[in-house]
Amino acid sequence: VVADATGDPRFDRSQIPGLRFYVGVPLKST
């Protein structure tokens, strides 16, 4: 969970314009 991705090096905001908030849930096999 990233409340504000501004300046976060894990995100390439040039490829996702306007990205600020992000939440990702992993999909795992058994």
PDB file of all heavy atoms in Angstrom:
ATOM      1  N   VAL A   1       0.858  -1.185   0.000  1.00  0.00           N
ATOM      2  CA  VAL A   1       0.000   0.000   0.000  1.00  0.00           C
ATOM      3  C   VAL A   1       0.893   1.233   0.000  1.00  0.00           C
ATOM      4  O   VAL A   1       1.749   1.388   0.873  1.00  0.00           O
ATOM      5  CB  VAL A   1      -0.925   0.039   1.236  1.00  0.00           C
ATOM      6  CG1 VAL A   1      -1.824   1.279   1.181  1.00  0.00           C
ATOM      7  CG2 VAL A   1      -1.776  -1.228   1.310  1.00  0.00           C
ATOM      8  N   VAL A   2       0.700   2.090  -0.998  1.00  0.00           N
ATOM      9  CA  VAL A   2       1.472   3.333  -1.105  1.00  0.00           C
ATOM     10  C   VAL A   2       0.468   4.480  -1.159  1.00  0.00           C
ATOM     11  O   VAL A   2      -0.250   4.637  -2.154  1.00  0.00           O
ATOM     12  CB  VAL A   2       2.369   3.337  -2.360  1.00  0.00           C
ATOM     13  CG1 VAL A   2       3.165   4.642  -2.436  1.00  0.00           C
ATOM     14  CG2 VAL A   2       3.309   2.133  -2.341  1.00  0.00           C
ATOM     15  N   ALA A   3       0.425   5.259  -0.085  1.00  0.00           N
ATOM     16  CA  ALA A   3      -0.551   6.347  -0.010  1.00  0.00           C
ATOM     17  C   ALA A   3      -0.270   7.435  -1.033  1.00  0.00           C
ATOM     18  O   ALA A   3      -1.196   8.018  -1.608  1.00  0.00           O
ATOM     19  CB  ALA A   3      -0.577   6.936   1.396  1.00  0.00           C
ATOM     20  N   ASP A   4       1.018   7.709  -1.280  1.00  0.00           N
ATOM     21  CA  ASP A   4       1.402   8.728  -2.266  1.00  0.00           C
ATOM     22  C   ASP A   4       2.704   8.278  -2.922  1.00  0.00           C
ATOM     23  O   ASP A   4       3.749   8.217  -2.267  1.00  0.00           O
ATOM     24  CB  ASP A   4       1.585  10.087  -1.589  1.00  0.00           C
ATOM     25  CG  ASP A   4       1.781  11.210  -2.591  1.00  0.00           C
ATOM     26  OD1 ASP A   4       1.987  10.911  -3.796  1.00  0.00           O
ATOM     27  OD2 ASP A   4       1.744  12.380  -2.183  1.00  0.00           O
ATOM     28  N   ALA A   5       2.639   7.942  -4.200  1.00  0.00           N
ATOM     29  CA  ALA A   5       3.799   7.400  -4.916  1.00  0.00           C
ATOM     30  C   ALA A   5       4.702   8.477  -5.474  1.00  0.00           C
ATOM     31  O   ALA A   5       5.677   8.160  -6.162  1.00  0.00           O
ATOM     32  CB  ALA A   5       3.318   6.498  -6.050  1.00  0.00           C
ATOM     33  N   THR A   6       4.413   9.724  -5.177  1.00  0.00           N
ATOM     34  CA  THR A   6       5.268  10.807  -5.676  1.00  0.00           C
ATOM     35  C   THR A   6       6.698  10.603  -5.193  1.00  0.00           C
ATOM     36  O   THR A   6       6.948  10.518  -3.987  1.00  0.00           O
ATOM     37  CB  THR A   6       4.758  12.174  -5.198  1.00  0.00           C
ATOM     38  OG1 THR A   6       3.411  12.349  -5.625  1.00  0.00           O
ATOM     39  CG2 THR A   6       5.619  13.291  -5.755  1.00  0.00           C
ATOM     40  N   GLY A   7       7.632  10.502  -6.102  1.00  0.00           N
ATOM     41  CA  GLY A   7       9.037  10.325  -5.749  1.00  0.00           C
ATOM     42  C   GLY A   7       9.413   8.922  -5.324  1.00  0.00           C
ATOM     43  O   GLY A   7      10.567   8.677  -4.968  1.00  0.00           O
ATOM     44  N   ASP A   8       8.479   7.994  -5.334  1.00  0.00           N
ATOM     45  CA  ASP A   8       8.786   6.613  -4.939  1.00  0.00           C
ATOM     46  C   ASP A   8       9.532   5.919  -6.085  1.00  0.00           C
ATOM     47  O   ASP A   8       8.994   5.804  -7.193  1.00  0.00           O
ATOM     48  CB  ASP A   8       7.491   5.864  -4.620  1.00  0.00           C
ATOM     49  CG  ASP A   8       7.744   4.536  -3.903  1.00  0.00           C
ATOM     50  OD1 ASP A   8       8.633   3.787  -4.353  1.00  0.00           O
ATOM     51  OD2 ASP A   8       7.039   4.242  -2.918  1.00  0.00           O
ATOM     52  N   PRO A   9      10.759   5.444  -5.860  1.00  0.00           N
ATOM     53  CA  PRO A   9      11.560   4.856  -6.943  1.00  0.00           C
ATOM     54  C   PRO A   9      11.014   3.515  -7.451  1.00  0.00           C
ATOM     55  O   PRO A   9      11.462   3.040  -8.503  1.00  0.00           O
ATOM     56  CB  PRO A   9      12.932   4.658  -6.288  1.00  0.00           C
ATOM     57  CG  PRO A   9      12.662   4.563  -4.822  1.00  0.00           C
ATOM     58  CD  PRO A   9      11.492   5.464  -4.577  1.00  0.00           C
ATOM     59  N   ARG A  10      10.070   2.928  -6.744  1.00  0.00           N
ATOM     60  CA  ARG A  10       9.499   1.661  -7.199  1.00  0.00           C
ATOM     61  C   ARG A  10       8.524   1.830  -8.354  1.00  0.00           C
ATOM     62  O   ARG A  10       8.122   0.850  -8.989  1.00  0.00           O
ATOM     63  CB  ARG A  10       8.788   0.967  -6.028  1.00  0.00           C
ATOM     64  CG  ARG A  10       9.724   0.499  -4.929  1.00  0.00           C
ATOM     65  CD  ARG A  10       8.947  -0.023  -3.736  1.00  0.00           C
ATOM     66  NE  ARG A  10       8.176   1.032  -3.076  1.00  0.00           N
ATOM     67  CZ  ARG A  10       7.490   0.868  -1.959  1.00  0.00           C
ATOM     68  NH1 ARG A  10       7.460  -0.325  -1.379  1.00  0.00           N
ATOM     69  NH2 ARG A  10       6.809   1.876  -1.421  1.00  0.00           N
ATOM     70  N   PHE A  11       8.149   3.084  -8.669  1.00  0.00           N
ATOM     71  CA  PHE A  11       7.158   3.333  -9.708  1.00  0.00           C
ATOM     72  C   PHE A  11       7.752   4.192 -10.819  1.00  0.00           C
ATOM     73  O   PHE A  11       8.451   5.175 -10.554  1.00  0.00           O
ATOM     74  CB  PHE A  11       5.926   4.046  -9.124  1.00  0.00           C
ATOM     75  CG  PHE A  11       5.200   3.234  -8.093  1.00  0.00           C
ATOM     76  CD1 PHE A  11       5.553   3.348  -6.752  1.00  0.00           C
ATOM     77  CD2 PHE A  11       4.186   2.371  -8.458  1.00  0.00           C
ATOM     78  CE1 PHE A  11       4.894   2.611  -5.789  1.00  0.00           C
ATOM     79  CE2 PHE A  11       3.525   1.627  -7.494  1.00  0.00           C
ATOM     80  CZ  PHE A  11       3.875   1.738  -6.159  1.00  0.00           C
ATOM     81  N   ASP A  12       7.471   3.799 -12.043  1.00  0.00           N
ATOM     82  CA  ASP A  12       7.838   4.601 -13.205  1.00  0.00           C
ATOM     83  C   ASP A  12       6.595   5.381 -13.617  1.00  0.00           C
ATOM     84  O   ASP A  12       5.778   4.919 -14.398  1.00  0.00           O
ATOM     85  CB  ASP A  12       8.322   3.705 -14.345  1.00  0.00           C
ATOM     86  CG  ASP A  12       8.813   4.509 -15.542  1.00  0.00           C
ATOM     87  OD1 ASP A  12       8.615   5.742 -15.547  1.00  0.00           O
ATOM     88  OD2 ASP A  12       9.381   3.899 -16.465  1.00  0.00           O
ATOM     89  N   ARG A  13       6.449   6.551 -13.054  1.00  0.00           N
ATOM     90  CA  ARG A  13       5.227   7.320 -13.270  1.00  0.00           C
ATOM     91  C   ARG A  13       5.116   7.879 -14.674  1.00  0.00           C
ATOM     92  O   ARG A  13       4.055   8.341 -15.089  1.00  0.00           O
ATOM     93  CB  ARG A  13       5.135   8.439 -12.233  1.00  0.00           C
ATOM     94  CG  ARG A  13       5.059   7.878 -10.809  1.00  0.00           C
ATOM     95  CD  ARG A  13       4.989   8.945  -9.738  1.00  0.00           C
ATOM     96  NE  ARG A  13       3.708   9.645  -9.747  1.00  0.00           N
ATOM     97  CZ  ARG A  13       3.576  10.931  -9.966  1.00  0.00           C
ATOM     98  NH1 ARG A  13       4.641  11.671 -10.211  1.00  0.00           N
ATOM     99  NH2 ARG A  13       2.390  11.496  -9.930  1.00  0.00           N
ATOM    100  N   SER A  14       6.217   7.809 -15.440  1.00  0.00           N
ATOM    101  CA  SER A  14       6.128   8.228 -16.840  1.00  0.00           C
ATOM    102  C   SER A  14       5.286   7.251 -17.651  1.00  0.00           C
ATOM    103  O   SER A  14       4.715   7.613 -18.688  1.00  0.00           O
ATOM    104  CB  SER A  14       7.530   8.331 -17.456  1.00  0.00           C
ATOM    105  OG  SER A  14       8.145   7.049 -17.527  1.00  0.00           O
ATOM    106  N   GLN A  15       5.212   5.991 -17.192  1.00  0.00           N
ATOM    107  CA  GLN A  15       4.404   4.993 -17.890  1.00  0.00           C
ATOM    108  C   GLN A  15       3.000   4.887 -17.316  1.00  0.00           C
ATOM    109  O   GLN A  15       2.121   4.284 -17.939  1.00  0.00           O
ATOM    110  CB  GLN A  15       5.094   3.616 -17.819  1.00  0.00           C
ATOM    111  CG  GLN A  15       6.442   3.597 -18.541  1.00  0.00           C
ATOM    112  CD  GLN A  15       6.968   2.189 -18.671  1.00  0.00           C
ATOM    113  OE1 GLN A  15       6.229   1.261 -18.996  1.00  0.00           O
ATOM    114  NE2 GLN A  15       8.257   2.015 -18.427  1.00  0.00           N
ATOM    115  N   ILE A  16       2.809   5.431 -16.125  1.00  0.00           N
ATOM    116  CA  ILE A  16       1.466   5.463 -15.530  1.00  0.00           C
ATOM    117  C   ILE A  16       1.200   6.898 -15.097  1.00  0.00           C
ATOM    118  O   ILE A  16       1.317   7.247 -13.917  1.00  0.00           O
ATOM    119  CB  ILE A  16       1.356   4.507 -14.331  1.00  0.00           C
ATOM    120  CG1 ILE A  16       1.883   3.124 -14.692  1.00  0.00           C
ATOM    121  CG2 ILE A  16      -0.097   4.406 -13.866  1.00  0.00           C
ATOM    122  CD1 ILE A  16       1.858   2.156 -13.549  1.00  0.00           C
ATOM    123  N   PRO A  17       0.848   7.762 -16.033  1.00  0.00           N
ATOM    124  CA  PRO A  17       0.645   9.177 -15.702  1.00  0.00           C
ATOM    125  C   PRO A  17      -0.419   9.368 -14.629  1.00  0.00           C
ATOM    126  O   PRO A  17      -1.457   8.713 -14.645  1.00  0.00           O
ATOM    127  CB  PRO A  17       0.188   9.772 -17.039  1.00  0.00           C
ATOM    128  CG  PRO A  17       0.710   8.834 -18.082  1.00  0.00           C
ATOM    129  CD  PRO A  17       0.646   7.487 -17.458  1.00  0.00           C
ATOM    130  N   GLY A  18      -0.129  10.234 -13.690  1.00  0.00           N
ATOM    131  CA  GLY A  18      -1.106  10.580 -12.663  1.00  0.00           C
ATOM    132  C   GLY A  18      -1.171   9.614 -11.500  1.00  0.00           C
ATOM    133  O   GLY A  18      -1.977   9.804 -10.588  1.00  0.00           O
ATOM    134  N   LEU A  19      -0.324   8.595 -11.469  1.00  0.00           N
ATOM    135  CA  LEU A  19      -0.373   7.634 -10.373  1.00  0.00           C
ATOM    136  C   LEU A  19       0.066   8.308  -9.078  1.00  0.00           C
ATOM    137  O   LEU A  19       1.150   8.852  -8.981  1.00  0.00           O
ATOM    138  CB  LEU A  19       0.532   6.435 -10.676  1.00  0.00           C
ATOM    139  CG  LEU A  19       0.503   5.278  -9.659  1.00  0.00           C
ATOM    140  CD1 LEU A  19       0.858   3.967 -10.360  1.00  0.00           C
ATOM    141  CD2 LEU A  19       1.470   5.485  -8.491  1.00  0.00           C
ATOM    142  N   ARG A  20      -0.801   8.233  -8.070  1.00  0.00           N
ATOM    143  CA  ARG A  20      -0.444   8.734  -6.743  1.00  0.00           C
ATOM    144  C   ARG A  20      -0.660   7.631  -5.702  1.00  0.00           C
ATOM    145  O   ARG A  20       0.265   7.226  -5.018  1.00  0.00           O
ATOM    146  CB  ARG A  20      -1.282   9.972  -6.387  1.00  0.00           C
ATOM    147  CG  ARG A  20      -1.084  11.150  -7.308  1.00  0.00           C
ATOM    148  CD  ARG A  20       0.313  11.763  -7.178  1.00  0.00           C
ATOM    149  NE  ARG A  20       0.549  12.327  -5.869  1.00  0.00           N
ATOM    150  CZ  ARG A  20       0.165  13.564  -5.499  1.00  0.00           C
ATOM    151  NH1 ARG A  20      -0.489  14.340  -6.357  1.00  0.00           N
ATOM    152  NH2 ARG A  20       0.454  14.001  -4.286  1.00  0.00           N
ATOM    153  N   PHE A  21      -1.892   7.150  -5.583  1.00  0.00           N
ATOM    154  CA  PHE A  21      -2.195   6.066  -4.639  1.00  0.00           C
ATOM    155  C   PHE A  21      -2.082   4.714  -5.358  1.00  0.00           C
ATOM    156  O   PHE A  21      -2.507   4.559  -6.499  1.00  0.00           O
ATOM    157  CB  PHE A  21      -3.614   6.234  -4.081  1.00  0.00           C
ATOM    158  CG  PHE A  21      -4.125   5.033  -3.338  1.00  0.00           C
ATOM    159  CD1 PHE A  21      -3.737   4.791  -2.033  1.00  0.00           C
ATOM    160  CD2 PHE A  21      -4.999   4.133  -3.953  1.00  0.00           C
ATOM    161  CE1 PHE A  21      -4.214   3.681  -1.335  1.00  0.00           C
ATOM    162  CE2 PHE A  21      -5.483   3.031  -3.268  1.00  0.00           C
ATOM    163  CZ  PHE A  21      -5.088   2.796  -1.962  1.00  0.00           C
ATOM    164  N   TYR A  22      -1.505   3.738  -4.641  1.00  0.00           N
ATOM    165  CA  TYR A  22      -1.383   2.390  -5.221  1.00  0.00           C
ATOM    166  C   TYR A  22      -1.556   1.342  -4.131  1.00  0.00           C
ATOM    167  O   TYR A  22      -1.025   1.481  -3.014  1.00  0.00           O
ATOM    168  CB  TYR A  22      -0.005   2.214  -5.863  1.00  0.00           C
ATOM    169  CG  TYR A  22       0.268   0.786  -6.310  1.00  0.00           C
ATOM    170  CD1 TYR A  22      -0.128   0.349  -7.566  1.00  0.00           C
ATOM    171  CD2 TYR A  22       0.918  -0.126  -5.466  1.00  0.00           C
ATOM    172  CE1 TYR A  22       0.108  -0.958  -7.977  1.00  0.00           C
ATOM    173  CE2 TYR A  22       1.161  -1.434  -5.869  1.00  0.00           C
ATOM    174  CZ  TYR A  22       0.748  -1.842  -7.118  1.00  0.00           C
ATOM    175  OH  TYR A  22       0.989  -3.129  -7.522  1.00  0.00           O
ATOM    176  N   VAL A  23      -2.287   0.273  -4.470  1.00  0.00           N
ATOM    177  CA  VAL A  23      -2.357  -0.897  -3.608  1.00  0.00           C
ATOM    178  C   VAL A  23      -2.298  -2.128  -4.509  1.00  0.00           C
ATOM    179  O   VAL A  23      -2.992  -2.208  -5.524  1.00  0.00           O
ATOM    180  CB  VAL A  23      -3.630  -0.922  -2.731  1.00  0.00           C
ATOM    181  CG1 VAL A  23      -4.898  -0.806  -3.561  1.00  0.00           C
ATOM    182  CG2 VAL A  23      -3.659  -2.198  -1.885  1.00  0.00           C
ATOM    183  N   GLY A  24      -1.431  -3.056  -4.153  1.00  0.00           N
ATOM    184  CA  GLY A  24      -1.290  -4.281  -4.929  1.00  0.00           C
ATOM    185  C   GLY A  24      -1.358  -5.508  -4.033  1.00  0.00           C
ATOM    186  O   GLY A  24      -0.727  -5.549  -2.972  1.00  0.00           O
ATOM    187  N   VAL A  25      -2.149  -6.486  -4.446  1.00  0.00           N
ATOM    188  CA  VAL A  25      -2.297  -7.735  -3.699  1.00  0.00           C
ATOM    189  C   VAL A  25      -1.702  -8.866  -4.540  1.00  0.00           C
ATOM    190  O   VAL A  25      -2.097  -9.054  -5.690  1.00  0.00           O
ATOM    191  CB  VAL A  25      -3.770  -8.043  -3.388  1.00  0.00           C
ATOM    192  CG1 VAL A  25      -3.884  -9.278  -2.493  1.00  0.00           C
ATOM    193  CG2 VAL A  25      -4.435  -6.847  -2.743  1.00  0.00           C
ATOM    194  N   PRO A  26      -0.744  -9.608  -3.998  1.00  0.00           N
ATOM    195  CA  PRO A  26      -0.129 -10.684  -4.784  1.00  0.00           C
ATOM    196  C   PRO A  26      -1.098 -11.834  -5.041  1.00  0.00           C
ATOM    197  O   PRO A  26      -1.933 -12.155  -4.203  1.00  0.00           O
ATOM    198  CB  PRO A  26       1.045 -11.135  -3.902  1.00  0.00           C
ATOM    199  CG  PRO A  26       0.633 -10.787  -2.509  1.00  0.00           C
ATOM    200  CD  PRO A  26      -0.168  -9.523  -2.639  1.00  0.00           C
ATOM    201  N   LEU A  27      -0.964 -12.442  -6.213  1.00  0.00           N
ATOM    202  CA  LEU A  27      -1.705 -13.649  -6.565  1.00  0.00           C
ATOM    203  C   LEU A  27      -0.720 -14.811  -6.487  1.00  0.00           C
ATOM    204  O   LEU A  27       0.205 -14.909  -7.287  1.00  0.00           O
ATOM    205  CB  LEU A  27      -2.285 -13.531  -7.976  1.00  0.00           C
ATOM    206  CG  LEU A  27      -3.187 -12.321  -8.231  1.00  0.00           C
ATOM    207  CD1 LEU A  27      -3.659 -12.313  -9.679  1.00  0.00           C
ATOM    208  CD2 LEU A  27      -4.372 -12.317  -7.272  1.00  0.00           C
ATOM    209  N   LYS A  28      -0.928 -15.679  -5.498  1.00  0.00           N
ATOM    210  CA  LYS A  28       0.019 -16.764  -5.246  1.00  0.00           C
ATOM    211  C   LYS A  28      -0.615 -18.125  -5.533  1.00  0.00           C
ATOM    212  O   LYS A  28      -1.784 -18.347  -5.240  1.00  0.00           O
ATOM    213  CB  LYS A  28       0.484 -16.734  -3.783  1.00  0.00           C
ATOM    214  CG  LYS A  28       1.298 -15.510  -3.409  1.00  0.00           C
ATOM    215  CD  LYS A  28       1.731 -15.609  -1.954  1.00  0.00           C
ATOM    216  CE  LYS A  28       2.534 -14.410  -1.513  1.00  0.00           C
ATOM    217  NZ  LYS A  28       2.959 -14.512  -0.090  1.00  0.00           N
ATOM    218  N   SER A  29       0.199 -19.017  -6.074  1.00  0.00           N
ATOM    219  CA  SER A  29      -0.240 -20.391  -6.296  1.00  0.00           C
ATOM    220  C   SER A  29      -0.237 -21.131  -4.966  1.00  0.00           C
ATOM    221  O   SER A  29       0.273 -20.644  -3.953  1.00  0.00           O
ATOM    222  CB  SER A  29       0.679 -21.092  -7.296  1.00  0.00           C
ATOM    223  OG  SER A  29       1.981 -21.242  -6.741  1.00  0.00           O
ATOM    224  N   THR A  30      -0.800 -22.331  -4.972  1.00  0.00           N
ATOM    225  CA  THR A  30      -0.848 -23.126  -3.746  1.00  0.00           C
ATOM    226  C   THR A  30       0.537 -23.502  -3.246  1.00  0.00           C
ATOM    227  O   THR A  30       0.714 -23.782  -2.061  1.00  0.00           O
ATOM    228  CB  THR A  30      -1.665 -24.402  -3.980  1.00  0.00           C
ATOM    229  OG1 THR A  30      -1.153 -25.098  -5.125  1.00  0.00           O
ATOM    230  CG2 THR A  30      -3.130 -24.077  -4.227  1.00  0.00           C
TER     231      THR A  30
END
